[in-house]
Every structure is written in C-alpha cells, then in structure tokens.
C-alpha cells in the first residue's frame, strides 16, 4: 500500500526563502506605516492637550487662550496629514500583505483575475497591424543608430 503526496508548485513556493523574504518585507512595510500612524496620533494628542486651558484656584475659567491663527492652521494641517497618510499607508500595505502583492504588475494580475479576465501579460497578446509597423520602424531606427 503506497500513498503518494501531491504538492503543487504554489505550496512548494510557500516554503522557499524568497517567499519568506518577500512576506517579511510586506510585513515590515505594514508595521512601518502602523508606527507612523501611531506616532502621528500621539503627536496630535499632545498638541490638543497642550492647548487645553486649566485654571488655577483664583483664575478665571473663561479666559481666551493666546494663540496664533496661522500657527493653529499649520499645526492642524500637519497633524491631519500625518494621520491621513499613516492610515492610508496602513490600508494599502495591509491589503497588499493579505493579498500577497509586492509590485504593480502583481496588483494588475490579481485585479484582472478578480474581474474574470485571463491573467495574461500584455507582451503575450498579439499586436495589431499598425502597432507592428511602428514597432518594426523603431527597431530599424535603433539598429541603424547602433551602426
């Protein structure tokens, strides 16, 4: 009684060193975006807390704080941009980590596969007549310039 184990190339590639390095790079990108988001959130929290007015025993509690409108706008823009950029980076890198995407070409192939189109590369598709003529003209031009 012999039992055979069938392992696909996809399962074999999961255990390769290249696959492990690639997944580690994706993880580090996501954790970098997460750290940036947490740092931005901490800075924004500190910025809000520093503007809070806490009166002492005999001070008025409705005293308007001294601040610059331009400085407040720049501060709010910086904090908002940091939080938005970090959150968007986490979304993109997290999605790519889950879907095992490391480049734009892989993203294109995954989206095509998701949409139901065949996952062929553009270079493998046949060219129309006009494109073939332009390609031949460019190749002849390059060959003549090398001589």
N, C-alpha and C. Protein backbone atom coordinates (compact mmCIF):
# COMPACT_ATOMS: atom_id res chain seq x y z
N UNK A 1 0.84 -1.17 0.00
CA UNK A 1 0.00 0.00 0.00
C UNK A 1 0.90 1.24 0.00
N UNK A 2 0.88 1.95 -1.09
CA UNK A 2 1.71 3.16 -1.19
C UNK A 2 0.80 4.38 -1.28
N UNK A 3 1.18 5.37 -0.57
CA UNK A 3 0.41 6.61 -0.64
C UNK A 3 1.31 7.69 -1.23
N UNK A 4 0.77 8.40 -2.14
CA UNK A 4 1.54 9.49 -2.76
C UNK A 4 0.99 10.83 -2.29
N UNK A 5 1.89 11.71 -2.06
CA UNK A 5 1.52 13.04 -1.63
C UNK A 5 1.71 13.98 -2.80
N UNK A 6 0.68 14.69 -3.14
CA UNK A 6 0.78 15.64 -4.24
C UNK A 6 0.89 17.04 -3.66
N UNK A 7 1.93 17.70 -4.05
CA UNK A 7 2.15 19.08 -3.61
C UNK A 7 2.28 19.93 -4.86
N UNK A 8 1.51 20.99 -4.90
CA UNK A 8 1.56 21.86 -6.07
C UNK A 8 2.76 22.79 -5.97
N UNK A 9 3.06 23.46 -7.08
CA UNK A 9 4.19 24.40 -7.07
C UNK A 9 3.89 25.59 -6.16
N UNK A 10 2.64 25.92 -6.00
CA UNK A 10 2.27 27.02 -5.10
C UNK A 10 2.61 26.66 -3.66
N UNK A 11 2.34 25.43 -3.25
CA UNK A 11 2.65 25.00 -1.90
C UNK A 11 4.15 24.91 -1.68
N UNK A 12 4.90 24.52 -2.70
CA UNK A 12 6.35 24.45 -2.57
C UNK A 12 6.92 25.86 -2.45
N UNK A 13 6.38 26.79 -3.24
CA UNK A 13 6.92 28.14 -3.22
C UNK A 13 6.67 28.84 -1.89
N UNK A 14 5.66 28.39 -1.13
CA UNK A 14 5.38 28.99 0.16
C UNK A 14 6.53 28.75 1.13
N UNK A 15 7.25 27.64 0.98
CA UNK A 15 8.32 27.30 1.89
C UNK A 15 9.69 27.80 1.42
N UNK A 16 9.75 28.48 0.28
CA UNK A 16 11.04 28.92 -0.23
C UNK A 16 11.54 30.15 0.52
N UNK A 17 12.83 30.37 0.45
CA UNK A 17 13.44 31.52 1.13
C UNK A 17 12.99 32.84 0.50
N UNK A 18 12.83 32.85 -0.82
CA UNK A 18 12.38 34.07 -1.50
C UNK A 18 10.99 34.47 -1.02
N UNK A 19 10.12 33.49 -0.85
CA UNK A 19 8.77 33.76 -0.38
C UNK A 19 8.80 34.33 1.05
N UNK A 20 9.64 33.76 1.89
CA UNK A 20 9.74 34.23 3.27
C UNK A 20 10.27 35.66 3.34
N UNK A 21 11.28 35.97 2.52
CA UNK A 21 11.82 37.33 2.48
C UNK A 21 10.77 38.32 1.99
N UNK A 22 10.04 37.91 0.98
CA UNK A 22 9.00 38.77 0.40
C UNK A 22 7.91 39.07 1.43
N UNK A 23 7.46 38.05 2.15
CA UNK A 23 6.42 38.26 3.17
C UNK A 23 6.94 39.12 4.32
N UNK A 24 8.22 38.95 4.66
CA UNK A 24 8.81 39.76 5.72
C UNK A 24 8.87 41.23 5.30
N UNK A 25 9.21 41.48 4.03
CA UNK A 25 9.24 42.85 3.53
C UNK A 25 7.85 43.47 3.57
N UNK A 26 6.83 42.70 3.16
CA UNK A 26 5.46 43.20 3.22
C UNK A 26 5.05 43.50 4.66
N UNK A 27 5.43 42.64 5.58
CA UNK A 27 5.11 42.85 6.99
C UNK A 27 5.80 44.11 7.52
N UNK A 28 7.06 44.31 7.17
CA UNK A 28 7.80 45.47 7.65
C UNK A 28 7.22 46.77 7.09
N UNK A 29 6.75 46.74 5.85
CA UNK A 29 6.10 47.93 5.29
C UNK A 29 4.83 48.27 6.08
N UNK A 30 4.04 47.26 6.37
CA UNK A 30 2.81 47.49 7.13
C UNK A 30 3.12 48.00 8.53
N UNK A 31 4.09 47.39 9.19
CA UNK A 31 4.43 47.83 10.54
C UNK A 31 5.05 49.22 10.54
N UNK A 32 5.77 49.58 9.48
CA UNK A 32 6.29 50.94 9.36
C UNK A 32 5.17 51.96 9.25
N UNK A 33 4.16 51.65 8.43
CA UNK A 33 3.01 52.55 8.30
C UNK A 33 2.24 52.62 9.61
N UNK A 34 2.15 51.50 10.32
CA UNK A 34 1.47 51.49 11.62
C UNK A 34 2.21 52.36 12.63
N UNK A 35 3.53 52.24 12.66
CA UNK A 35 4.33 53.05 13.59
C UNK A 35 4.19 54.54 13.26
N UNK A 36 4.18 54.88 11.97
CA UNK A 36 3.99 56.28 11.57
C UNK A 36 2.63 56.79 12.00
N UNK A 37 1.60 55.97 11.85
CA UNK A 37 0.25 56.37 12.27
C UNK A 37 0.19 56.56 13.78
N UNK A 38 0.77 55.64 14.53
CA UNK A 38 0.75 55.77 16.00
C UNK A 38 1.54 57.00 16.46
N UNK A 39 2.66 57.28 15.82
CA UNK A 39 3.44 58.47 16.16
C UNK A 39 2.65 59.74 15.84
N UNK A 40 1.99 59.76 14.68
CA UNK A 40 1.18 60.93 14.32
C UNK A 40 0.02 61.11 15.29
N UNK A 41 -0.61 60.03 15.71
CA UNK A 41 -1.72 60.12 16.65
C UNK A 41 -1.23 60.64 18.01
N UNK A 42 -0.06 60.17 18.43
CA UNK A 42 0.49 60.63 19.71
C UNK A 42 0.83 62.12 19.66
N UNK A 43 1.43 62.57 18.57
CA UNK A 43 1.74 63.99 18.43
C UNK A 43 0.48 64.84 18.37
N UNK A 44 -0.54 64.37 17.67
CA UNK A 44 -1.80 65.11 17.60
C UNK A 44 -2.45 65.18 18.98
N UNK A 45 -2.41 64.10 19.72
CA UNK A 45 -2.98 64.09 21.07
C UNK A 45 -2.24 65.08 21.98
N UNK A 46 -0.91 65.08 21.89
CA UNK A 46 -0.13 66.03 22.69
C UNK A 46 -0.44 67.47 22.28
N UNK A 47 -0.62 67.70 20.98
CA UNK A 47 -0.93 69.04 20.51
C UNK A 47 -2.27 69.53 21.04
N UNK A 48 -3.24 68.65 21.11
CA UNK A 48 -4.56 69.02 21.64
C UNK A 48 -4.47 69.24 23.15
N UNK A 49 -3.75 68.37 23.85
CA UNK A 49 -3.64 68.50 25.30
C UNK A 49 -2.88 69.77 25.70
N UNK A 50 -1.90 70.19 24.91
CA UNK A 50 -1.13 71.37 25.27
C UNK A 50 -1.95 72.65 25.12
N UNK A 51 -3.00 72.63 24.32
CA UNK A 51 -3.84 73.81 24.12
C UNK A 51 -4.97 73.91 25.15
N UNK A 52 -5.13 72.90 25.95
CA UNK A 52 -6.19 72.90 26.94
C UNK A 52 -5.86 73.89 28.06
N UNK A 53 -6.83 74.72 28.44
CA UNK A 53 -6.63 75.71 29.50
C UNK A 53 -7.20 75.17 30.80
N UNK A 54 -6.34 75.02 31.79
CA UNK A 54 -6.76 74.54 33.10
C UNK A 54 -6.47 75.67 34.10
N UNK A 55 -7.50 76.35 34.59
CA UNK A 55 -7.26 77.48 35.51
C UNK A 55 -6.83 77.00 36.90
N UNK A 56 -6.07 77.86 37.57
CA UNK A 56 -5.69 77.60 38.96
C UNK A 56 -6.82 78.04 39.89
N UNK A 57 -6.55 78.11 41.18
CA UNK A 57 -7.57 78.36 42.18
C UNK A 57 -8.33 79.68 41.96
N UNK A 58 -7.63 80.78 41.74
CA UNK A 58 -8.30 82.07 41.65
C UNK A 58 -8.23 82.68 40.26
N UNK A 59 -8.07 81.85 39.21
CA UNK A 59 -8.04 82.35 37.84
C UNK A 59 -9.42 82.17 37.22
N UNK A 60 -9.68 83.02 36.23
CA UNK A 60 -10.95 82.93 35.52
C UNK A 60 -10.96 81.68 34.63
N UNK A 61 -12.11 81.07 34.52
CA UNK A 61 -12.18 79.87 33.68
C UNK A 61 -12.67 80.16 32.27
N UNK A 62 -12.87 81.41 31.94
CA UNK A 62 -13.31 81.75 30.59
C UNK A 62 -12.31 82.67 29.89
N UNK A 63 -11.06 82.62 30.32
CA UNK A 63 -10.00 83.43 29.74
C UNK A 63 -9.66 82.90 28.35
N UNK A 64 -9.68 83.72 27.32
CA UNK A 64 -9.33 83.23 25.99
C UNK A 64 -7.83 82.95 25.90
N UNK A 65 -7.47 81.79 25.39
CA UNK A 65 -6.04 81.45 25.31
C UNK A 65 -5.33 82.29 24.24
N UNK A 66 -4.05 82.51 24.43
CA UNK A 66 -3.24 83.24 23.47
C UNK A 66 -2.72 82.25 22.42
N UNK A 67 -3.05 82.50 21.17
CA UNK A 67 -2.55 81.64 20.11
C UNK A 67 -2.56 82.38 18.79
N UNK A 68 -1.84 81.85 17.84
CA UNK A 68 -1.75 82.41 16.50
C UNK A 68 -2.65 81.59 15.58
N UNK A 69 -3.48 82.27 14.82
CA UNK A 69 -4.37 81.55 13.91
C UNK A 69 -3.57 80.81 12.84
N UNK A 70 -2.50 81.43 12.36
CA UNK A 70 -1.67 80.79 11.34
C UNK A 70 -0.98 79.56 11.91
N UNK A 71 -0.48 79.66 13.12
CA UNK A 71 0.17 78.51 13.76
C UNK A 71 -0.80 77.38 14.00
N UNK A 72 -2.02 77.72 14.41
CA UNK A 72 -3.04 76.68 14.62
C UNK A 72 -3.38 75.96 13.31
N UNK A 73 -3.47 76.73 12.23
CA UNK A 73 -3.80 76.13 10.93
C UNK A 73 -2.69 75.20 10.46
N UNK A 74 -1.44 75.64 10.60
CA UNK A 74 -0.31 74.81 10.18
C UNK A 74 -0.24 73.55 11.03
N UNK A 75 -0.45 73.70 12.33
CA UNK A 75 -0.43 72.55 13.23
C UNK A 75 -1.53 71.55 12.88
N UNK A 76 -2.73 72.05 12.66
CA UNK A 76 -3.85 71.17 12.30
C UNK A 76 -3.61 70.47 10.96
N UNK A 77 -3.04 71.19 10.00
CA UNK A 77 -2.74 70.60 8.70
C UNK A 77 -1.70 69.50 8.84
N UNK A 78 -0.67 69.75 9.63
CA UNK A 78 0.39 68.75 9.81
C UNK A 78 -0.15 67.51 10.52
N UNK A 79 -0.91 67.69 11.59
CA UNK A 79 -1.46 66.54 12.31
C UNK A 79 -2.44 65.76 11.43
N UNK A 80 -3.31 66.46 10.73
CA UNK A 80 -4.28 65.79 9.86
C UNK A 80 -3.62 65.04 8.72
N UNK A 81 -2.60 65.66 8.12
CA UNK A 81 -1.88 65.00 7.03
C UNK A 81 -1.15 63.75 7.53
N UNK A 82 -0.53 63.85 8.69
CA UNK A 82 0.16 62.68 9.26
C UNK A 82 -0.79 61.54 9.53
N UNK A 83 -1.93 61.85 10.13
CA UNK A 83 -2.90 60.79 10.44
C UNK A 83 -3.49 60.18 9.17
N UNK A 84 -3.83 61.02 8.19
CA UNK A 84 -4.42 60.51 6.95
C UNK A 84 -3.42 59.68 6.15
N UNK A 85 -2.18 60.16 6.06
CA UNK A 85 -1.15 59.43 5.32
C UNK A 85 -0.85 58.09 5.98
N UNK A 86 -0.72 58.09 7.29
CA UNK A 86 -0.45 56.84 8.00
C UNK A 86 -1.58 55.85 7.87
N UNK A 87 -2.81 56.33 7.98
CA UNK A 87 -3.96 55.42 7.86
C UNK A 87 -4.07 54.85 6.45
N UNK A 88 -3.86 55.69 5.45
CA UNK A 88 -3.92 55.22 4.08
C UNK A 88 -2.79 54.23 3.80
N UNK A 89 -1.60 54.51 4.31
CA UNK A 89 -0.49 53.57 4.15
C UNK A 89 -0.77 52.23 4.79
N UNK A 90 -1.38 52.27 5.99
CA UNK A 90 -1.75 51.01 6.65
C UNK A 90 -2.76 50.25 5.81
N UNK A 91 -3.73 50.94 5.24
CA UNK A 91 -4.74 50.29 4.41
C UNK A 91 -4.10 49.64 3.19
N UNK A 92 -3.24 50.38 2.49
CA UNK A 92 -2.63 49.86 1.27
C UNK A 92 -1.68 48.71 1.58
N UNK A 93 -0.75 48.93 2.52
CA UNK A 93 0.23 47.89 2.81
C UNK A 93 -0.41 46.67 3.47
N UNK A 94 -1.43 46.86 4.29
CA UNK A 94 -2.13 45.73 4.90
C UNK A 94 -2.86 44.90 3.87
N UNK A 95 -3.53 45.58 2.94
CA UNK A 95 -4.23 44.86 1.87
C UNK A 95 -3.25 44.10 0.99
N UNK A 96 -2.13 44.74 0.64
CA UNK A 96 -1.13 44.06 -0.18
C UNK A 96 -0.49 42.89 0.56
N UNK A 97 -0.33 43.02 1.86
CA UNK A 97 0.23 41.92 2.65
C UNK A 97 -0.73 40.74 2.67
N UNK A 98 -2.02 41.03 2.86
CA UNK A 98 -3.02 39.95 2.88
C UNK A 98 -3.16 39.27 1.52
N UNK A 99 -3.12 40.07 0.45
CA UNK A 99 -3.31 39.52 -0.89
C UNK A 99 -2.02 39.03 -1.52
N UNK A 100 -0.89 39.15 -0.81
CA UNK A 100 0.42 38.73 -1.30
C UNK A 100 0.78 39.44 -2.61
N UNK A 101 0.75 40.77 -2.54
CA UNK A 101 1.09 41.62 -3.69
C UNK A 101 2.32 42.43 -3.32
N UNK A 102 3.34 42.38 -4.18
CA UNK A 102 4.58 43.12 -3.90
C UNK A 102 4.92 44.14 -4.96
N UNK A 103 4.23 44.14 -6.10
CA UNK A 103 4.53 45.09 -7.16
C UNK A 103 3.25 45.47 -7.91
N UNK A 104 3.37 46.50 -8.73
CA UNK A 104 2.22 46.93 -9.51
C UNK A 104 1.80 45.88 -10.54
N UNK A 105 2.77 45.15 -11.07
CA UNK A 105 2.45 44.10 -12.04
C UNK A 105 1.63 42.99 -11.38
N UNK A 106 2.01 42.61 -10.17
CA UNK A 106 1.23 41.60 -9.45
C UNK A 106 -0.16 42.13 -9.12
N UNK A 107 -0.25 43.40 -8.77
CA UNK A 107 -1.55 44.00 -8.48
C UNK A 107 -2.45 43.94 -9.72
N UNK A 108 -1.88 44.27 -10.87
CA UNK A 108 -2.64 44.23 -12.12
C UNK A 108 -3.14 42.82 -12.40
N UNK A 109 -2.27 41.83 -12.23
CA UNK A 109 -2.67 40.44 -12.49
C UNK A 109 -3.75 39.98 -11.51
N UNK A 110 -3.63 40.37 -10.23
CA UNK A 110 -4.64 39.97 -9.23
C UNK A 110 -5.99 40.61 -9.54
N UNK A 111 -5.98 41.88 -9.93
CA UNK A 111 -7.24 42.56 -10.24
C UNK A 111 -7.88 41.97 -11.49
N UNK A 112 -7.06 41.67 -12.49
CA UNK A 112 -7.61 41.03 -13.70
C UNK A 112 -8.22 39.67 -13.37
N UNK A 113 -7.54 38.93 -12.53
CA UNK A 113 -8.05 37.61 -12.14
C UNK A 113 -9.35 37.78 -11.36
N UNK A 114 -9.41 38.78 -10.49
CA UNK A 114 -10.60 39.05 -9.71
C UNK A 114 -11.78 39.45 -10.60
N UNK A 115 -11.49 40.20 -11.65
CA UNK A 115 -12.53 40.66 -12.57
C UNK A 115 -12.95 39.59 -13.57
N UNK A 116 -12.23 38.50 -13.62
CA UNK A 116 -12.60 37.40 -14.51
C UNK A 116 -11.89 37.41 -15.84
N UNK A 117 -10.96 38.34 -16.06
CA UNK A 117 -10.21 38.36 -17.31
C UNK A 117 -9.06 37.36 -17.21
N UNK A 118 -8.61 36.87 -18.35
CA UNK A 118 -7.45 35.97 -18.30
C UNK A 118 -6.22 36.73 -17.83
N UNK A 119 -5.42 36.10 -17.02
CA UNK A 119 -4.24 36.75 -16.44
C UNK A 119 -3.04 36.61 -17.37
N UNK A 120 -3.12 37.20 -18.55
CA UNK A 120 -2.00 37.17 -19.49
C UNK A 120 -1.28 38.50 -19.42
N UNK A 121 -0.04 38.46 -19.74
CA UNK A 121 0.74 39.69 -19.76
C UNK A 121 0.48 40.41 -21.08
N UNK A 122 0.68 41.70 -21.08
CA UNK A 122 0.43 42.50 -22.27
C UNK A 122 1.38 42.10 -23.39
N UNK A 123 2.60 41.72 -23.06
CA UNK A 123 3.58 41.36 -24.08
C UNK A 123 3.21 40.07 -24.80
N UNK A 124 2.36 39.24 -24.20
CA UNK A 124 1.97 37.98 -24.81
C UNK A 124 0.79 38.13 -25.77
N UNK A 125 0.10 39.25 -25.72
CA UNK A 125 -1.06 39.45 -26.57
C UNK A 125 -0.60 39.81 -27.98
N UNK A 126 -1.37 39.39 -29.02
CA UNK A 126 -0.97 39.72 -30.39
C UNK A 126 -1.15 41.22 -30.66
N UNK A 127 -0.26 41.76 -31.49
CA UNK A 127 -0.31 43.18 -31.83
C UNK A 127 -1.12 43.38 -33.10
N UNK A 128 -1.77 44.53 -33.19
CA UNK A 128 -2.48 44.84 -34.43
C UNK A 128 -1.48 45.31 -35.49
N UNK A 129 -1.94 45.50 -36.71
CA UNK A 129 -1.05 45.79 -37.84
C UNK A 129 -0.33 47.13 -37.66
N UNK A 130 -1.05 48.15 -37.23
CA UNK A 130 -0.44 49.48 -37.08
C UNK A 130 0.65 49.46 -35.99
N UNK A 131 0.40 48.77 -34.91
CA UNK A 131 1.39 48.69 -33.84
C UNK A 131 2.61 47.90 -34.29
N UNK A 132 2.40 46.86 -35.09
CA UNK A 132 3.52 46.09 -35.62
C UNK A 132 4.40 46.95 -36.52
N UNK A 133 3.77 47.80 -37.35
CA UNK A 133 4.54 48.68 -38.23
C UNK A 133 5.38 49.67 -37.43
N UNK A 134 4.77 50.25 -36.41
CA UNK A 134 5.50 51.20 -35.57
C UNK A 134 6.65 50.52 -34.84
N UNK A 135 6.41 49.32 -34.35
CA UNK A 135 7.45 48.56 -33.64
C UNK A 135 8.60 48.23 -34.57
N UNK A 136 8.29 47.80 -35.79
CA UNK A 136 9.34 47.48 -36.76
C UNK A 136 10.14 48.73 -37.13
N UNK A 137 9.46 49.86 -37.29
CA UNK A 137 10.15 51.10 -37.63
C UNK A 137 11.09 51.52 -36.50
N UNK A 138 10.65 51.38 -35.27
CA UNK A 138 11.50 51.73 -34.13
C UNK A 138 12.70 50.80 -34.02
N UNK A 139 12.49 49.51 -34.25
CA UNK A 139 13.59 48.56 -34.20
C UNK A 139 14.62 48.85 -35.29
N UNK A 140 14.15 49.17 -36.50
CA UNK A 140 15.07 49.52 -37.59
C UNK A 140 15.84 50.79 -37.26
N UNK A 141 15.16 51.76 -36.67
CA UNK A 141 15.81 53.00 -36.28
C UNK A 141 16.89 52.75 -35.23
N UNK A 142 16.61 51.92 -34.26
CA UNK A 142 17.60 51.59 -33.22
C UNK A 142 18.77 50.81 -33.80
N UNK A 143 18.51 49.90 -34.71
CA UNK A 143 19.60 49.13 -35.32
C UNK A 143 20.49 50.04 -36.16
N UNK A 144 19.89 50.99 -36.90
CA UNK A 144 20.68 51.92 -37.71
C UNK A 144 21.51 52.85 -36.84
N UNK A 145 20.99 53.24 -35.67
CA UNK A 145 21.73 54.16 -34.80
C UNK A 145 22.90 53.45 -34.12
N UNK A 146 22.85 52.15 -33.98
CA UNK A 146 23.94 51.40 -33.35
C UNK A 146 25.11 51.21 -34.29
N UNK A 147 24.86 51.27 -35.58
CA UNK A 147 25.92 51.03 -36.58
C UNK A 147 26.81 52.19 -36.72
